[in-house]
C-alpha atoms as a PDB file:
ATOM      1  CA  MET A   1      59.471-146.220 -89.634  1.00  0.00           C
ATOM      2  CA  THR A   2      56.295-145.207 -88.202  1.00  0.00           C
ATOM      3  CA  PHE A   3      56.029-149.203 -86.610  1.00  0.00           C
ATOM      4  CA  PHE A   4      59.392-149.353 -85.676  1.00  0.00           C
ATOM      5  CA  ARG A   5      59.031-145.838 -83.635  1.00  0.00           C
ATOM      6  CA  GLY A   6      55.783-147.432 -81.949  1.00  0.00           C
ATOM      7  CA  LEU A   7      57.480-150.738 -81.261  1.00  0.00           C
ATOM      8  CA  VAL A   8      60.406-148.658 -79.229  1.00  0.00           C
ATOM      9  CA  ARG A   9      57.728-146.277 -77.427  1.00  0.00           C
ATOM     10  CA  LEU A  10      55.728-149.541 -76.288  1.00  0.00           C
ATOM     11  CA  VAL A  11      58.579-151.483 -75.389  1.00  0.00           C
ATOM     12  CA  GLY A  12      59.917-148.409 -73.290  1.00  0.00           C
ATOM     13  CA  TRP A  13      56.984-148.239 -71.429  1.00  0.00           C
ATOM     14  CA  LEU A  14      57.017-151.656 -70.599  1.00  0.00           C
ATOM     15  CA  LEU A  15      60.871-151.267 -69.318  1.00  0.00           C
ATOM     16  CA  THR A  16      59.996-150.005 -65.899  1.00  0.00           C
ATOM     17  CA  PRO A  17      57.648-153.363 -64.835  1.00  0.00           C
ATOM     18  CA  LEU A  18      60.212-155.445 -66.598  1.00  0.00           C
ATOM     19  CA  VAL A  19      63.120-153.772 -64.502  1.00  0.00           C
ATOM     20  CA  ALA A  20      60.992-154.209 -61.436  1.00  0.00           C
ATOM     21  CA  TRP A  21      59.892-157.753 -62.038  1.00  0.00           C
ATOM     22  CA  ALA A  22      63.424-158.778 -62.734  1.00  0.00           C
ATOM     23  CA  ALA A  23      64.982-157.074 -59.927  1.00  0.00           C
ATOM     24  CA  SER A  24      62.137-158.725 -57.517  1.00  0.00           C
ATOM     25  CA  PHE A  25      63.255-161.894 -58.772  1.00  0.00           C
ATOM     26  CA  LEU A  26      67.060-161.300 -58.142  1.00  0.00           C
ATOM     27  CA  GLY A  27      65.931-160.329 -54.495  1.00  0.00           C
ATOM     28  CA  SER A  28      63.980-163.008 -53.813  1.00  0.00           C
ATOM     29  CA  PHE A  29      66.823-165.408 -54.869  1.00  0.00           C
ATOM     30  CA  LEU A  30      69.368-163.609 -52.657  1.00  0.00           C
ATOM     31  CA  GLY A  31      66.246-163.618 -49.970  1.00  0.00           C
ATOM     32  CA  SER A  32      65.848-167.286 -50.513  1.00  0.00           C
ATOM     33  CA  LEU A  33      69.545-167.885 -50.097  1.00  0.00           C
ATOM     34  CA  LEU A  34      69.673-165.662 -46.869  1.00  0.00           C
ATOM     35  CA  GLY A  35      66.520-167.674 -45.538  1.00  0.00           C
ATOM     36  CA  ALA A  36      67.542-171.106 -45.728  1.00  0.00           C
ATOM     37  CA  MET A  37      70.133-169.935 -43.257  1.00  0.00           C
ATOM     38  CA  MET A  38      67.465-169.072 -40.626  1.00  0.00           C
ATOM     39  CA  GLY A  39      66.077-171.809 -38.572  1.00  0.00           C
ATOM     40  CA  THR A  40      62.367-171.826 -39.323  1.00  0.00           C
ATOM     41  CA  ALA A  41      60.552-171.520 -42.608  1.00  0.00           C
ATOM     42  CA  ARG A  42      58.223-168.619 -41.802  1.00  0.00           C
ATOM     43  CA  GLY A  43      61.175-166.405 -41.181  1.00  0.00           C
ATOM     44  CA  GLY A  44      63.191-167.504 -44.414  1.00  0.00           C
ATOM     45  CA  LEU A  45      59.906-167.112 -46.191  1.00  0.00           C
ATOM     46  CA  TRP A  46      59.697-163.160 -44.982  1.00  0.00           C
ATOM     47  CA  ILE A  47      63.291-162.611 -45.580  1.00  0.00           C
ATOM     48  CA  THR A  48      62.372-163.715 -49.318  1.00  0.00           C
ATOM     49  CA  ALA A  49      59.576-161.486 -49.527  1.00  0.00           C
ATOM     50  CA  ALA A  50      60.940-158.696 -48.232  1.00  0.00           C
ATOM     51  CA  LEU A  51      64.204-158.481 -50.014  1.00  0.00           C
ATOM     52  CA  GLY A  52      62.172-159.085 -53.476  1.00  0.00           C
ATOM     53  CA  GLY A  53      59.786-156.290 -52.801  1.00  0.00           C
ATOM     54  CA  LEU A  54      63.136-153.932 -51.493  1.00  0.00           C
ATOM     55  CA  PHE A  55      64.823-154.969 -54.852  1.00  0.00           C
ATOM     56  CA  ALA A  56      61.692-154.263 -56.911  1.00  0.00           C
ATOM     57  CA  LEU A  57      60.568-151.115 -55.472  1.00  0.00           C
ATOM     58  CA  THR A  58      64.274-149.602 -55.426  1.00  0.00           C
ATOM     59  CA  SER A  59      64.626-150.866 -59.299  1.00  0.00           C
ATOM     60  CA  ALA A  60      61.546-149.078 -60.277  1.00  0.00           C
ATOM     61  CA  TRP A  61      62.604-146.258 -58.187  1.00  0.00           C
ATOM     62  CA  GLY A  62      65.933-145.654 -59.635  1.00  0.00           C
ATOM     63  CA  TRP A  63      64.409-146.365 -63.324  1.00  0.00           C
ATOM     64  CA  LEU A  64      62.057-143.188 -62.760  1.00  0.00           C
ATOM     65  CA  ARG A  65      64.627-141.087 -61.115  1.00  0.00           C
ATOM     66  CA  PHE A  66      66.867-141.851 -64.416  1.00  0.00           C
ATOM     67  CA  LEU A  67      63.906-141.057 -66.839  1.00  0.00           C
ATOM     68  CA  ARG A  68      63.128-137.903 -64.890  1.00  0.00           C
ATOM     69  CA  ARG A  69      66.759-136.580 -65.268  1.00  0.00           C
ATOM     70  CA  SER A  70      66.997-137.795 -68.768  1.00  0.00           C
ATOM     71  CA  PRO A  71      65.314-135.418 -71.495  1.00  0.00           C
ATOM     72  CA  LYS A  72      66.494-137.761 -74.503  1.00  0.00           C
ATOM     73  CA  LEU A  73      65.098-140.378 -73.018  1.00  0.00           C
ATOM     74  CA  GLN A  74      61.890-139.028 -72.306  1.00  0.00           C
ATOM     75  CA  GLN A  75      61.710-137.752 -75.735  1.00  0.00           C
ATOM     76  CA  THR A  76      62.705-141.037 -77.361  1.00  0.00           C
ATOM     77  CA  LEU A  77      59.627-142.866 -75.190  1.00  0.00           C
ATOM     78  CA  ALA A  78      57.115-139.814 -75.779  1.00  0.00           C
ATOM     79  CA  VAL A  79      56.225-139.655 -72.121  1.00  0.00           C
ATOM     80  CA  ALA A  80      56.189-136.770 -69.512  1.00  0.00           C
ATOM     81  CA  PRO A  81      58.987-136.334 -67.046  1.00  0.00           C
ATOM     82  CA  ASP A  82      56.857-138.498 -64.068  1.00  0.00           C
ATOM     83  CA  GLY A  83      56.758-141.147 -66.983  1.00  0.00           C
ATOM     84  CA  THR A  84      53.081-140.631 -68.034  1.00  0.00           C
ATOM     85  CA  PRO A  85      52.902-141.536 -71.996  1.00  0.00           C
ATOM     86  CA  LEU A  86      52.110-138.322 -73.708  1.00  0.00           C
ATOM     87  CA  ALA A  87      49.622-140.289 -75.789  1.00  0.00           C
ATOM     88  CA  ALA A  88      47.324-140.759 -72.352  1.00  0.00           C
ATOM     89  CA  LEU A  89      47.799-137.097 -71.455  1.00  0.00           C
ATOM     90  CA  ASP A  90      46.390-135.785 -74.551  1.00  0.00           C
ATOM     91  CA  GLU A  91      43.425-138.215 -74.250  1.00  0.00           C
ATOM     92  CA  ASN A  92      42.569-137.213 -70.857  1.00  0.00           C
ATOM     93  CA  ALA A  93      43.177-133.428 -71.759  1.00  0.00           C
ATOM     94  CA  SER A  94      39.814-132.697 -73.316  1.00  0.00           C
ATOM     95  CA  PRO A  95      37.160-135.346 -72.460  1.00  0.00           C
ATOM     96  CA  PRO A  96      34.686-136.447 -74.860  1.00  0.00           C
ATOM     97  CA  VAL A  97      31.800-134.396 -75.069  1.00  0.00           C
ATOM     98  CA  SER A  98      28.354-136.416 -74.465  1.00  0.00           C
ATOM     99  CA  GLU A  99      25.037-135.318 -76.037  1.00  0.00           C
END
């Protein structure tokens, strides 16, 4: 059961970049469709990059907003309300003493 819980937490932590990555591909695809209608290749490239970035940022923002508003999801993924894993916060709370 501990292995399964750890696996779920790992997948949960990786979900934010995965969602942003998938959304950037969707935005880039839509941007390339719009860019194909442009007269210049440079304009099409800028539209593709802009929509890919916009979709990635919007999806990451939406996921983090959802995470902040869901205490049950925070507890399941063992994260703080800002999305930081609790294990990382515990390690940073007391730095090791060096002699």
